[in-house]
Each structure stands twice: as structure tokens, then as C-alpha cells.
Amino acid sequence: SLVQDAMVLSMHKDSEMIVFHIVKVLIWEAAKATGEYRPASLESEGFIHFSKVEQVVATANRFYRGQDGLVLLEVSCDRLPEPLRYDAVPGHGSFPHLYVPLPVSAVTKAWPFPPNADGAFSLPFPQR
């Protein structure tokens, strides 16, 4: 039914109002000066990679293990210029992607994101 569909949609939306993106702090500082963030992936792949909260640690450990100088951007989906698209990443589930530049105004917080002593990452805030 339509009502049921609307309920499912709103539940889905509420759980994904916030997504995350890992970036080098220097690149983020440069983006803040211009008002929008255009990572290399936007040019090379056509989109910006994001993670849901439960995907952040695995993504960080897969691509950034042991790297210093990172921040974890917390992004409010309500502030995005267009809706995120969820694309399947073979073997890793479905990830949110943005196909336009990210407005700096959509970022609600930039968490310092250092690795642990063993090089692996943990969320820089209590699990929500």
C-alpha cells in the first residue's frame, strides 16, 4: 500500500540522514576555502564516495590503514544538492555516492581521525 511504502521510505531516510567521508585534512582545509569539495574521484569515477556509520571503520581500514592527517567528515543528507545514490560495491554491500561536488555547508562536523597504535581505525565518537 501507499501508506506502507511511505513508512518504509521515511524509516529508510531517517537512518541515512547522515553519511561520512574520509579525507586528508589539508585537502579539506583547501575545500573549505572554495566552498565546495571536489575530490579526484569526482573527475575519475564520476562521484564522491561516502559511508554509512556502520561502514566507516571497514572502509578506513581497507584504504587508509596507518595513515595520519585524516578527518572524518560528517555530512547531513538534507543539505546535499541532490539525493545520494546507493551503488553496489561487489563483496562489500551498497554504498552512498554523490554525483556532484559536495557543498562545504553540508558538512556538519569534521572529526579528527587518527589511526590507533596498530594502524587500524575506530569511530572517533560513541557508536550511535
N, C-alpha and C. Protein backbone atom coordinates (compact mmCIF):
# COMPACT_ATOMS: atom_id res chain seq x y z
N SER A 1 0.84 -1.20 0.00
CA SER A 1 0.00 0.00 0.00
C SER A 1 0.87 1.25 0.00
N LEU A 2 0.28 2.34 -0.37
CA LEU A 2 0.99 3.61 -0.44
C LEU A 2 1.48 4.05 0.93
N VAL A 3 0.64 3.90 1.94
CA VAL A 3 0.99 4.29 3.31
C VAL A 3 2.20 3.49 3.78
N GLN A 4 2.16 2.19 3.54
CA GLN A 4 3.27 1.31 3.93
C GLN A 4 4.55 1.73 3.22
N ASP A 5 4.44 2.02 1.93
CA ASP A 5 5.61 2.45 1.16
C ASP A 5 6.18 3.74 1.74
N ALA A 6 5.32 4.68 2.09
CA ALA A 6 5.77 5.96 2.66
C ALA A 6 6.47 5.73 4.00
N MET A 7 5.94 4.79 4.80
CA MET A 7 6.56 4.49 6.09
C MET A 7 7.96 3.90 5.89
N VAL A 8 8.06 2.97 4.97
CA VAL A 8 9.35 2.33 4.70
C VAL A 8 10.34 3.39 4.22
N LEU A 9 9.88 4.27 3.34
CA LEU A 9 10.72 5.32 2.80
C LEU A 9 11.22 6.25 3.90
N SER A 10 10.32 6.65 4.81
CA SER A 10 10.73 7.59 5.85
C SER A 10 11.67 6.90 6.85
N MET A 11 11.44 5.63 7.13
CA MET A 11 12.36 4.90 8.02
C MET A 11 13.74 4.83 7.38
N HIS A 12 13.75 4.52 6.10
CA HIS A 12 15.00 4.42 5.35
C HIS A 12 15.72 5.77 5.39
N LYS A 13 14.96 6.84 5.17
CA LYS A 13 15.54 8.19 5.12
C LYS A 13 16.13 8.56 6.49
N ASP A 14 15.39 8.31 7.55
CA ASP A 14 15.85 8.69 8.88
C ASP A 14 17.17 8.03 9.25
N SER A 15 17.32 6.77 8.88
CA SER A 15 18.54 6.05 9.26
C SER A 15 19.73 6.53 8.43
N GLU A 16 19.46 7.23 7.35
CA GLU A 16 20.57 7.66 6.50
C GLU A 16 20.62 9.16 6.30
N MET A 17 20.23 9.89 7.33
CA MET A 17 20.26 11.36 7.25
C MET A 17 21.71 11.84 7.31
N ILE A 18 22.60 10.99 7.82
CA ILE A 18 24.00 11.37 7.97
C ILE A 18 24.88 10.32 7.31
N VAL A 19 25.85 10.78 6.53
CA VAL A 19 26.84 9.88 5.94
C VAL A 19 28.22 10.48 6.23
N PHE A 20 29.25 9.70 5.94
CA PHE A 20 30.61 10.08 6.31
C PHE A 20 31.55 9.95 5.12
N HIS A 21 32.62 10.77 5.17
CA HIS A 21 33.63 10.73 4.11
C HIS A 21 35.00 10.98 4.74
N ILE A 22 35.97 10.17 4.36
CA ILE A 22 37.34 10.29 4.89
C ILE A 22 38.18 11.10 3.89
N VAL A 23 38.92 12.08 4.42
CA VAL A 23 39.72 12.93 3.54
C VAL A 23 40.94 13.44 4.32
N LYS A 24 42.00 13.73 3.60
CA LYS A 24 43.18 14.35 4.24
C LYS A 24 42.80 15.76 4.70
N VAL A 25 43.24 16.10 5.89
CA VAL A 25 42.85 17.39 6.48
C VAL A 25 43.28 18.56 5.59
N LEU A 26 44.42 18.48 4.93
CA LEU A 26 44.89 19.58 4.08
C LEU A 26 43.96 19.79 2.88
N ILE A 27 43.46 18.69 2.34
CA ILE A 27 42.53 18.78 1.20
C ILE A 27 41.20 19.39 1.66
N TRP A 28 40.76 18.97 2.85
CA TRP A 28 39.52 19.52 3.40
C TRP A 28 39.67 21.02 3.69
N GLU A 29 40.79 21.43 4.24
CA GLU A 29 41.02 22.85 4.51
C GLU A 29 40.96 23.66 3.21
N ALA A 30 41.55 23.13 2.15
CA ALA A 30 41.53 23.81 0.84
C ALA A 30 40.09 23.90 0.31
N ALA A 31 39.31 22.85 0.49
CA ALA A 31 37.92 22.84 0.03
C ALA A 31 37.10 23.89 0.78
N LYS A 32 37.35 24.01 2.08
CA LYS A 32 36.60 24.99 2.88
C LYS A 32 36.81 26.40 2.34
N ALA A 33 37.99 26.67 1.83
CA ALA A 33 38.30 28.00 1.29
C ALA A 33 37.52 28.28 0.00
N THR A 34 37.16 27.23 -0.74
CA THR A 34 36.45 27.42 -2.02
C THR A 34 34.94 27.25 -1.87
N GLY A 35 34.49 26.64 -0.77
CA GLY A 35 33.06 26.45 -0.56
C GLY A 35 32.52 25.14 -1.08
N GLU A 36 33.34 24.39 -1.84
CA GLU A 36 32.89 23.06 -2.27
C GLU A 36 34.06 22.10 -2.37
N TYR A 37 33.74 20.84 -2.19
CA TYR A 37 34.75 19.79 -2.17
C TYR A 37 34.60 18.96 -3.44
N ARG A 38 35.69 18.89 -4.20
CA ARG A 38 35.72 18.13 -5.47
C ARG A 38 36.89 17.17 -5.42
N PRO A 39 36.72 15.99 -4.81
CA PRO A 39 37.84 15.05 -4.77
C PRO A 39 38.16 14.50 -6.15
N ALA A 40 39.33 13.89 -6.26
CA ALA A 40 39.76 13.33 -7.55
C ALA A 40 38.75 12.32 -8.09
N SER A 41 38.07 11.59 -7.19
CA SER A 41 37.12 10.56 -7.63
C SER A 41 35.95 11.15 -8.42
N LEU A 42 35.62 12.41 -8.16
CA LEU A 42 34.51 13.04 -8.89
C LEU A 42 34.86 13.12 -10.37
N GLU A 43 36.12 13.44 -10.65
CA GLU A 43 36.60 13.50 -12.03
C GLU A 43 36.81 12.09 -12.61
N SER A 44 37.48 11.22 -11.85
CA SER A 44 37.89 9.92 -12.40
C SER A 44 36.75 8.89 -12.42
N GLU A 45 35.88 8.93 -11.39
CA GLU A 45 34.81 7.92 -11.31
C GLU A 45 33.41 8.51 -11.48
N GLY A 46 33.33 9.83 -11.39
CA GLY A 46 32.04 10.49 -11.57
C GLY A 46 31.25 10.71 -10.29
N PHE A 47 31.83 10.35 -9.14
CA PHE A 47 31.10 10.53 -7.89
C PHE A 47 32.05 10.64 -6.71
N ILE A 48 31.48 11.07 -5.56
CA ILE A 48 32.20 11.13 -4.30
C ILE A 48 31.76 9.95 -3.45
N HIS A 49 32.72 9.23 -2.89
CA HIS A 49 32.43 8.07 -2.05
C HIS A 49 32.01 8.51 -0.65
N PHE A 50 30.95 7.90 -0.12
CA PHE A 50 30.55 8.10 1.28
C PHE A 50 30.36 6.74 1.94
N SER A 51 30.26 6.76 3.26
CA SER A 51 29.96 5.54 4.02
C SER A 51 28.84 5.84 5.00
N LYS A 52 28.00 4.84 5.24
CA LYS A 52 27.08 4.90 6.36
C LYS A 52 27.92 4.66 7.61
N VAL A 53 27.38 5.02 8.78
CA VAL A 53 28.18 4.95 10.01
C VAL A 53 28.75 3.54 10.22
N GLU A 54 27.97 2.52 9.90
CA GLU A 54 28.44 1.14 10.13
C GLU A 54 29.47 0.68 9.11
N GLN A 55 29.73 1.51 8.08
CA GLN A 55 30.71 1.16 7.05
C GLN A 55 32.04 1.90 7.21
N VAL A 56 32.07 2.90 8.10
CA VAL A 56 33.24 3.79 8.19
C VAL A 56 34.52 3.04 8.55
N VAL A 57 34.48 2.23 9.60
CA VAL A 57 35.70 1.60 10.10
C VAL A 57 36.28 0.63 9.07
N ALA A 58 35.43 -0.18 8.47
CA ALA A 58 35.92 -1.14 7.46
C ALA A 58 36.53 -0.41 6.27
N THR A 59 35.88 0.68 5.84
CA THR A 59 36.40 1.48 4.72
C THR A 59 37.76 2.09 5.08
N ALA A 60 37.84 2.67 6.28
CA ALA A 60 39.10 3.29 6.73
C ALA A 60 40.22 2.25 6.77
N ASN A 61 39.91 1.08 7.31
CA ASN A 61 40.94 0.04 7.43
C ASN A 61 41.34 -0.52 6.06
N ARG A 62 40.41 -0.53 5.11
CA ARG A 62 40.71 -1.08 3.79
C ARG A 62 41.59 -0.12 2.98
N PHE A 63 41.32 1.19 3.09
CA PHE A 63 42.00 2.14 2.20
C PHE A 63 43.01 3.06 2.89
N TYR A 64 42.91 3.22 4.19
CA TYR A 64 43.72 4.25 4.86
C TYR A 64 44.54 3.73 6.04
N ARG A 65 44.64 2.43 6.20
CA ARG A 65 45.33 1.86 7.38
C ARG A 65 46.67 2.53 7.63
N GLY A 66 46.88 2.99 8.88
CA GLY A 66 48.15 3.58 9.27
C GLY A 66 48.38 5.02 8.82
N GLN A 67 47.42 5.60 8.09
CA GLN A 67 47.62 6.97 7.59
C GLN A 67 47.24 8.01 8.63
N ASP A 68 48.10 9.00 8.77
CA ASP A 68 47.82 10.14 9.64
C ASP A 68 47.29 11.31 8.82
N GLY A 69 46.82 12.34 9.52
CA GLY A 69 46.42 13.56 8.84
C GLY A 69 45.07 13.49 8.16
N LEU A 70 44.19 12.62 8.69
CA LEU A 70 42.85 12.46 8.10
C LEU A 70 41.79 13.09 8.98
N VAL A 71 40.69 13.50 8.35
CA VAL A 71 39.49 13.87 9.08
C VAL A 71 38.34 13.04 8.53
N LEU A 72 37.35 12.82 9.40
CA LEU A 72 36.13 12.11 9.02
C LEU A 72 35.03 13.16 8.93
N LEU A 73 34.57 13.44 7.72
CA LEU A 73 33.52 14.44 7.53
C LEU A 73 32.16 13.81 7.82
N GLU A 74 31.38 14.50 8.64
CA GLU A 74 30.00 14.10 8.91
C GLU A 74 29.11 14.99 8.05
N VAL A 75 28.30 14.38 7.21
CA VAL A 75 27.55 15.12 6.19
C VAL A 75 26.05 14.92 6.40
N SER A 76 25.32 16.01 6.43
CA SER A 76 23.87 15.97 6.55
C SER A 76 23.25 15.82 5.17
N CYS A 77 22.56 14.70 4.95
CA CYS A 77 21.96 14.42 3.63
C CYS A 77 20.94 15.48 3.24
N ASP A 78 20.30 16.08 4.24
CA ASP A 78 19.30 17.12 3.96
C ASP A 78 19.92 18.34 3.28
N ARG A 79 21.20 18.52 3.45
CA ARG A 79 21.87 19.72 2.91
C ARG A 79 22.53 19.46 1.56
N LEU A 80 22.38 18.26 1.02
CA LEU A 80 23.02 17.93 -0.26
C LEU A 80 22.22 18.51 -1.42
N PRO A 81 22.90 18.90 -2.51
CA PRO A 81 22.21 19.49 -3.66
C PRO A 81 21.36 18.49 -4.43
N GLU A 82 21.67 17.21 -4.29
CA GLU A 82 20.82 16.17 -4.91
C GLU A 82 20.92 14.92 -4.05
N PRO A 83 19.94 14.01 -4.16
CA PRO A 83 19.97 12.82 -3.30
C PRO A 83 21.18 11.94 -3.59
N LEU A 84 21.64 11.26 -2.56
CA LEU A 84 22.69 10.26 -2.73
C LEU A 84 22.15 9.10 -3.54
N ARG A 85 23.03 8.45 -4.28
CA ARG A 85 22.66 7.19 -4.95
C ARG A 85 23.39 6.07 -4.25
N TYR A 86 22.68 4.98 -4.01
CA TYR A 86 23.29 3.82 -3.35
C TYR A 86 23.70 2.83 -4.43
N ASP A 87 25.00 2.63 -4.56
CA ASP A 87 25.54 1.75 -5.59
C ASP A 87 26.17 0.52 -4.94
N ALA A 88 25.97 -0.63 -5.55
CA ALA A 88 26.54 -1.87 -5.04
C ALA A 88 28.04 -1.88 -5.29
N VAL A 89 28.79 -2.23 -4.26
CA VAL A 89 30.24 -2.43 -4.37
C VAL A 89 30.46 -3.93 -4.17
N PRO A 90 30.80 -4.66 -5.23
CA PRO A 90 30.86 -6.12 -5.14
C PRO A 90 31.65 -6.61 -3.93
N GLY A 91 31.03 -7.47 -3.14
CA GLY A 91 31.67 -8.04 -1.97
C GLY A 91 31.60 -7.16 -0.73
N HIS A 92 31.07 -5.94 -0.85
CA HIS A 92 31.07 -5.02 0.29
C HIS A 92 29.73 -4.36 0.55
N GLY A 93 28.69 -4.75 -0.19
CA GLY A 93 27.37 -4.16 0.04
C GLY A 93 27.16 -2.90 -0.78
N SER A 94 26.21 -2.08 -0.32
CA SER A 94 25.79 -0.91 -1.06
C SER A 94 26.29 0.35 -0.35
N PHE A 95 26.90 1.27 -1.12
CA PHE A 95 27.48 2.48 -0.54
C PHE A 95 26.84 3.73 -1.13
N PRO A 96 26.70 4.79 -0.31
CA PRO A 96 26.16 6.05 -0.83
C PRO A 96 27.20 6.83 -1.62
N HIS A 97 26.77 7.34 -2.78
CA HIS A 97 27.64 8.13 -3.64
C HIS A 97 26.93 9.42 -4.02
N LEU A 98 27.70 10.49 -4.14
CA LEU A 98 27.18 11.79 -4.58
C LEU A 98 27.81 12.11 -5.93
N TYR A 99 26.97 12.44 -6.92
CA TYR A 99 27.44 12.63 -8.29
C TYR A 99 27.68 14.09 -8.67
N VAL A 100 27.72 14.96 -7.67
CA VAL A 100 28.03 16.38 -7.87
C VAL A 100 29.00 16.81 -6.77
N PRO A 101 29.65 17.99 -6.88
CA PRO A 101 30.53 18.43 -5.80
C PRO A 101 29.78 18.54 -4.47
N LEU A 102 30.51 18.35 -3.39
CA LEU A 102 29.93 18.44 -2.05
C LEU A 102 30.04 19.87 -1.55
N PRO A 103 28.90 20.53 -1.25
CA PRO A 103 29.00 21.87 -0.66
C PRO A 103 29.58 21.77 0.75
N VAL A 104 30.51 22.63 1.06
CA VAL A 104 31.10 22.65 2.40
C VAL A 104 30.00 22.82 3.46
N SER A 105 28.94 23.54 3.10
CA SER A 105 27.84 23.80 4.04
C SER A 105 27.08 22.53 4.44
N ALA A 106 27.24 21.44 3.69
CA ALA A 106 26.57 20.18 4.03
C ALA A 106 27.31 19.41 5.11
N VAL A 107 28.56 19.81 5.39
CA VAL A 107 29.38 19.12 6.39
C VAL A 107 29.10 19.72 7.77
N THR A 108 28.57 18.89 8.66
CA THR A 108 28.19 19.39 9.99
C THR A 108 29.34 19.30 10.98
N LYS A 109 30.29 18.38 10.72
CA LYS A 109 31.44 18.25 11.61
C LYS A 109 32.58 17.56 10.88
N ALA A 110 33.80 17.97 11.19
CA ALA A 110 34.99 17.28 10.68
C ALA A 110 35.71 16.71 11.90
N TRP A 111 35.57 15.39 12.07
CA TRP A 111 36.19 14.72 13.23
C TRP A 111 37.65 14.42 12.96
N PRO A 112 38.57 14.77 13.86
CA PRO A 112 39.95 14.28 13.71
C PRO A 112 39.90 12.75 13.67
N PHE A 113 40.66 12.15 12.78
CA PHE A 113 40.52 10.70 12.53
C PHE A 113 41.88 10.02 12.47
N PRO A 114 42.60 10.00 13.60
CA PRO A 114 43.91 9.33 13.61
C PRO A 114 43.74 7.81 13.75
N PRO A 115 44.69 7.04 13.20
CA PRO A 115 44.64 5.59 13.41
C PRO A 115 45.04 5.24 14.85
N ASN A 116 44.64 4.06 15.29
CA ASN A 116 45.10 3.55 16.58
C ASN A 116 46.58 3.15 16.46
N ALA A 117 47.18 2.79 17.57
CA ALA A 117 48.61 2.42 17.59
C ALA A 117 48.94 1.31 16.60
N ASP A 118 47.98 0.39 16.38
CA ASP A 118 48.23 -0.74 15.45
C ASP A 118 47.94 -0.38 14.00
N GLY A 119 47.56 0.88 13.74
CA GLY A 119 47.30 1.31 12.37
C GLY A 119 45.86 1.20 11.94
N ALA A 120 45.03 0.49 12.74
CA ALA A 120 43.62 0.34 12.41
C ALA A 120 42.83 1.54 12.98
N PHE A 121 41.61 1.70 12.51
CA PHE A 121 40.79 2.84 12.91
C PHE A 121 39.62 2.42 13.79
N SER A 122 39.16 3.38 14.59
CA SER A 122 37.92 3.24 15.37
C SER A 122 37.12 4.51 15.12
N LEU A 123 35.81 4.44 15.33
CA LEU A 123 35.00 5.65 15.19
C LEU A 123 35.47 6.69 16.21
N PRO A 124 35.55 7.96 15.82
CA PRO A 124 36.02 9.00 16.73
C PRO A 124 34.91 9.56 17.64
N PHE A 125 33.77 8.88 17.65
CA PHE A 125 32.65 9.28 18.51
C PHE A 125 31.96 8.00 18.97
N PRO A 126 31.16 8.08 20.06
CA PRO A 126 30.46 6.87 20.51
C PRO A 126 29.52 6.36 19.42
N GLN A 127 29.42 5.07 19.28
CA GLN A 127 28.52 4.48 18.26
C GLN A 127 27.11 4.95 18.52
N ARG A 128 26.43 5.40 17.44
CA ARG A 128 25.07 5.94 17.59
C ARG A 128 24.02 4.87 17.49
